[in-house]
């Protein structure tokens, strides 16, 4: 499985502002000599759009009222993922799907990526499809949550 993010758009409908960040096909490095220019916010936005649960964004970001949209390739197939608060929309091969919760979105993404990650709940012997937080965990560390 190969997932390549082509770009992310972050839209603030209330203030009629949008930003688009394009990425190369290989590795991308975000760096700046200055702090508080948006490097962490950009990474958190990608994680959030892919279904991750972000504990905190930059102060002043009303992220629950923003629209996040990623265009990516999953194994060579073009996929668009859009998130507005808890609602996800996807477009792939002409099919459009809407998901009102992270669980159903996680199932769709894992299916698209050829995955079937199951985790056992603490309170029983049952296994459930992992949410995207668990799927993305090896690739994401929130520096704002480190002590």
C-alpha atoms as a PDB file:
ATOM      1  CA  UNK A   1       0.000   0.000   0.000  1.00  0.00           C
ATOM      2  CA  UNK A   2       1.263   3.447  -0.890  1.00  0.00           C
ATOM      3  CA  UNK A   3      -0.439   6.679   0.105  1.00  0.00           C
ATOM      4  CA  UNK A   4       0.877   9.903  -1.444  1.00  0.00           C
ATOM      5  CA  UNK A   5      -0.654  13.219  -0.433  1.00  0.00           C
ATOM      6  CA  UNK A   6      -0.694  15.654  -3.356  1.00  0.00           C
ATOM      7  CA  UNK A   7      -2.099  18.658  -1.530  1.00  0.00           C
ATOM      8  CA  UNK A   8      -4.249  19.864   1.337  1.00  0.00           C
ATOM      9  CA  UNK A   9      -6.662  22.777   1.309  1.00  0.00           C
ATOM     10  CA  UNK A  10      -7.783  24.447   4.515  1.00  0.00           C
ATOM     11  CA  UNK A  11     -10.882  26.595   4.110  1.00  0.00           C
ATOM     12  CA  UNK A  12     -12.305  29.071   6.615  1.00  0.00           C
ATOM     13  CA  UNK A  13     -15.801  29.760   5.189  1.00  0.00           C
ATOM     14  CA  UNK A  14     -16.668  32.360   7.827  1.00  0.00           C
ATOM     15  CA  UNK A  15     -13.753  34.612   6.869  1.00  0.00           C
ATOM     16  CA  UNK A  16     -13.764  33.527   3.196  1.00  0.00           C
ATOM     17  CA  UNK A  17     -10.117  32.472   3.346  1.00  0.00           C
ATOM     18  CA  UNK A  18      -8.502  29.341   1.918  1.00  0.00           C
ATOM     19  CA  UNK A  19      -4.939  28.055   1.692  1.00  0.00           C
ATOM     20  CA  UNK A  20      -3.616  25.233  -0.453  1.00  0.00           C
ATOM     21  CA  UNK A  21      -0.356  23.442   0.294  1.00  0.00           C
ATOM     22  CA  UNK A  22       1.131  21.257  -2.447  1.00  0.00           C
ATOM     23  CA  UNK A  23       3.547  18.391  -1.808  1.00  0.00           C
ATOM     24  CA  UNK A  24       6.113  16.574  -3.895  1.00  0.00           C
ATOM     25  CA  UNK A  25       5.807  12.881  -4.790  1.00  0.00           C
ATOM     26  CA  UNK A  26       8.754  11.878  -2.611  1.00  0.00           C
ATOM     27  CA  UNK A  27       9.675  13.108   0.858  1.00  0.00           C
ATOM     28  CA  UNK A  28       8.701  16.583   2.020  1.00  0.00           C
ATOM     29  CA  UNK A  29      10.411  18.532   4.794  1.00  0.00           C
ATOM     30  CA  UNK A  30       8.755  21.394   6.662  1.00  0.00           C
ATOM     31  CA  UNK A  31      11.276  23.736   8.218  1.00  0.00           C
ATOM     32  CA  UNK A  32      11.680  27.333   9.210  1.00  0.00           C
ATOM     33  CA  UNK A  33      14.104  29.404  11.229  1.00  0.00           C
ATOM     34  CA  UNK A  34      11.105  30.851  13.059  1.00  0.00           C
ATOM     35  CA  UNK A  35       8.601  29.329  15.449  1.00  0.00           C
ATOM     36  CA  UNK A  36       4.838  29.706  15.170  1.00  0.00           C
ATOM     37  CA  UNK A  37       4.719  29.907  11.362  1.00  0.00           C
ATOM     38  CA  UNK A  38       2.385  26.919  10.927  1.00  0.00           C
ATOM     39  CA  UNK A  39       4.573  23.800  10.520  1.00  0.00           C
ATOM     40  CA  UNK A  40       2.830  21.882  13.312  1.00  0.00           C
ATOM     41  CA  UNK A  41      -0.594  23.190  12.295  1.00  0.00           C
ATOM     42  CA  UNK A  42      -0.035  21.898   8.769  1.00  0.00           C
ATOM     43  CA  UNK A  43       0.921  18.418  10.010  1.00  0.00           C
ATOM     44  CA  UNK A  44      -1.989  18.377  12.461  1.00  0.00           C
ATOM     45  CA  UNK A  45      -4.327  19.379   9.631  1.00  0.00           C
ATOM     46  CA  UNK A  46      -3.191  16.397   7.541  1.00  0.00           C
ATOM     47  CA  UNK A  47      -3.584  14.031  10.500  1.00  0.00           C
ATOM     48  CA  UNK A  48      -7.016  15.484  11.349  1.00  0.00           C
ATOM     49  CA  UNK A  49      -8.256  15.258   7.752  1.00  0.00           C
ATOM     50  CA  UNK A  50      -7.224  11.597   7.609  1.00  0.00           C
ATOM     51  CA  UNK A  51      -9.403  10.906  10.657  1.00  0.00           C
ATOM     52  CA  UNK A  52      -7.008  11.548  13.510  1.00  0.00           C
ATOM     53  CA  UNK A  53      -8.188  13.089  16.755  1.00  0.00           C
ATOM     54  CA  UNK A  54      -6.213  16.277  17.416  1.00  0.00           C
ATOM     55  CA  UNK A  55      -6.301  17.371  21.058  1.00  0.00           C
ATOM     56  CA  UNK A  56      -5.322  20.972  20.351  1.00  0.00           C
ATOM     57  CA  UNK A  57      -4.629  23.173  17.368  1.00  0.00           C
ATOM     58  CA  UNK A  58      -2.901  26.530  17.445  1.00  0.00           C
ATOM     59  CA  UNK A  59      -4.609  29.110  19.648  1.00  0.00           C
ATOM     60  CA  UNK A  60      -7.136  31.056  17.619  1.00  0.00           C
ATOM     61  CA  UNK A  61      -7.794  28.221  15.147  1.00  0.00           C
ATOM     62  CA  UNK A  62     -11.503  27.476  15.049  1.00  0.00           C
ATOM     63  CA  UNK A  63     -10.726  24.166  13.320  1.00  0.00           C
ATOM     64  CA  UNK A  64     -14.173  22.672  13.936  1.00  0.00           C
ATOM     65  CA  UNK A  65     -15.581  25.321  11.591  1.00  0.00           C
ATOM     66  CA  UNK A  66     -12.918  24.838   8.904  1.00  0.00           C
ATOM     67  CA  UNK A  67     -13.168  22.569   5.886  1.00  0.00           C
ATOM     68  CA  UNK A  68     -10.109  20.380   5.303  1.00  0.00           C
ATOM     69  CA  UNK A  69      -9.607  18.623   1.984  1.00  0.00           C
ATOM     70  CA  UNK A  70      -6.795  16.310   0.917  1.00  0.00           C
ATOM     71  CA  UNK A  71      -6.174  15.014  -2.572  1.00  0.00           C
ATOM     72  CA  UNK A  72      -4.040  11.901  -2.526  1.00  0.00           C
ATOM     73  CA  UNK A  73      -3.174   8.742  -4.400  1.00  0.00           C
ATOM     74  CA  UNK A  74      -3.744   5.379  -2.766  1.00  0.00           C
ATOM     75  CA  UNK A  75      -1.930   2.728  -4.777  1.00  0.00           C
ATOM     76  CA  UNK A  76      -2.202   4.912  -7.878  1.00  0.00           C
ATOM     77  CA  UNK A  77      -5.917   5.683  -7.499  1.00  0.00           C
ATOM     78  CA  UNK A  78      -6.870   9.339  -7.022  1.00  0.00           C
ATOM     79  CA  UNK A  79      -8.816   9.925  -3.791  1.00  0.00           C
ATOM     80  CA  UNK A  80     -10.259  13.108  -2.308  1.00  0.00           C
ATOM     81  CA  UNK A  81     -10.979  13.207   1.423  1.00  0.00           C
ATOM     82  CA  UNK A  82     -12.823  16.143   2.921  1.00  0.00           C
ATOM     83  CA  UNK A  83     -13.543  16.710   6.592  1.00  0.00           C
ATOM     84  CA  UNK A  84     -15.821  19.240   8.206  1.00  0.00           C
ATOM     85  CA  UNK A  85     -15.914  18.672  11.956  1.00  0.00           C
ATOM     86  CA  UNK A  86     -17.067  15.027  12.340  1.00  0.00           C
ATOM     87  CA  UNK A  87     -18.386  14.614   8.785  1.00  0.00           C
ATOM     88  CA  UNK A  88     -16.199  13.042   6.106  1.00  0.00           C
ATOM     89  CA  UNK A  89     -16.786  13.065   2.360  1.00  0.00           C
ATOM     90  CA  UNK A  90     -14.741  10.953  -0.025  1.00  0.00           C
ATOM     91  CA  UNK A  91     -14.509  10.731  -3.786  1.00  0.00           C
ATOM     92  CA  UNK A  92     -12.748   7.870  -5.493  1.00  0.00           C
ATOM     93  CA  UNK A  93     -13.221   6.382  -8.962  1.00  0.00           C
ATOM     94  CA  UNK A  94     -16.338   8.505  -9.435  1.00  0.00           C
ATOM     95  CA  UNK A  95     -17.956   7.192  -6.236  1.00  0.00           C
ATOM     96  CA  UNK A  96     -18.842   9.704  -3.513  1.00  0.00           C
ATOM     97  CA  UNK A  97     -19.423   8.616   0.068  1.00  0.00           C
ATOM     98  CA  UNK A  98     -20.393  10.506   3.210  1.00  0.00           C
ATOM     99  CA  UNK A  99     -19.564   9.347   6.728  1.00  0.00           C
ATOM    100  CA  UNK A 100     -21.073  10.937   9.833  1.00  0.00           C
ATOM    101  CA  UNK A 101     -18.564   9.384  12.221  1.00  0.00           C
ATOM    102  CA  UNK A 102     -14.907   8.376  12.492  1.00  0.00           C
ATOM    103  CA  UNK A 103     -15.725   4.667  12.827  1.00  0.00           C
ATOM    104  CA  UNK A 104     -17.381   4.309   9.412  1.00  0.00           C
ATOM    105  CA  UNK A 105     -14.725   6.514   7.800  1.00  0.00           C
ATOM    106  CA  UNK A 106     -11.978   4.351   9.341  1.00  0.00           C
ATOM    107  CA  UNK A 107     -13.550   1.215   7.886  1.00  0.00           C
ATOM    108  CA  UNK A 108     -13.697   2.852   4.422  1.00  0.00           C
ATOM    109  CA  UNK A 109     -10.071   4.057   4.557  1.00  0.00           C
ATOM    110  CA  UNK A 110      -8.757   0.717   5.755  1.00  0.00           C
ATOM    111  CA  UNK A 111     -10.671  -1.063   3.011  1.00  0.00           C
ATOM    112  CA  UNK A 112      -9.291   1.378   0.417  1.00  0.00           C
ATOM    113  CA  UNK A 113      -5.761   0.797   1.736  1.00  0.00           C
ATOM    114  CA  UNK A 114      -6.144  -3.004   1.907  1.00  0.00           C
ATOM    115  CA  UNK A 115      -5.943  -3.021   5.712  1.00  0.00           C
ATOM    116  CA  UNK A 116      -8.038  -4.631   8.436  1.00  0.00           C
ATOM    117  CA  UNK A 117      -6.533  -3.483  11.723  1.00  0.00           C
ATOM    118  CA  UNK A 118      -8.538  -4.774  14.685  1.00  0.00           C
ATOM    119  CA  UNK A 119      -8.003  -3.844  18.328  1.00  0.00           C
ATOM    120  CA  UNK A 120      -9.358  -5.525  21.419  1.00  0.00           C
ATOM    121  CA  UNK A 121     -11.409  -3.412  23.810  1.00  0.00           C
ATOM    122  CA  UNK A 122     -10.283  -3.179  27.427  1.00  0.00           C
ATOM    123  CA  UNK A 123     -13.616  -4.323  28.797  1.00  0.00           C
ATOM    124  CA  UNK A 124     -14.215  -7.442  26.676  1.00  0.00           C
ATOM    125  CA  UNK A 125     -12.686 -10.047  24.418  1.00  0.00           C
ATOM    126  CA  UNK A 126     -14.245  -8.456  21.339  1.00  0.00           C
ATOM    127  CA  UNK A 127     -12.201  -6.936  18.545  1.00  0.00           C
ATOM    128  CA  UNK A 128     -13.276  -3.817  16.672  1.00  0.00           C
ATOM    129  CA  UNK A 129     -11.983  -2.012  13.605  1.00  0.00           C
ATOM    130  CA  UNK A 130      -9.303   0.413  14.731  1.00  0.00           C
ATOM    131  CA  UNK A 131      -9.940   4.123  14.381  1.00  0.00           C
ATOM    132  CA  UNK A 132      -7.564   6.192  12.288  1.00  0.00           C
ATOM    133  CA  UNK A 133      -5.754   7.387  15.453  1.00  0.00           C
ATOM    134  CA  UNK A 134      -4.398   3.853  15.855  1.00  0.00           C
ATOM    135  CA  UNK A 135      -3.699   3.368  12.140  1.00  0.00           C
ATOM    136  CA  UNK A 136      -1.765   6.644  11.915  1.00  0.00           C
ATOM    137  CA  UNK A 137      -0.090   6.411  15.345  1.00  0.00           C
ATOM    138  CA  UNK A 138       3.292   5.162  14.042  1.00  0.00           C
ATOM    139  CA  UNK A 139       3.523   8.227  11.780  1.00  0.00           C
ATOM    140  CA  UNK A 140       2.387  11.033  14.104  1.00  0.00           C
ATOM    141  CA  UNK A 141       3.765  12.587  17.266  1.00  0.00           C
ATOM    142  CA  UNK A 142       2.145  15.744  18.587  1.00  0.00           C
ATOM    143  CA  UNK A 143       4.978  17.848  19.993  1.00  0.00           C
ATOM    144  CA  UNK A 144       2.440  19.978  21.878  1.00  0.00           C
ATOM    145  CA  UNK A 145       1.441  16.908  23.917  1.00  0.00           C
ATOM    146  CA  UNK A 146       4.997  15.985  24.967  1.00  0.00           C
ATOM    147  CA  UNK A 147       6.093  16.735  28.525  1.00  0.00           C
END
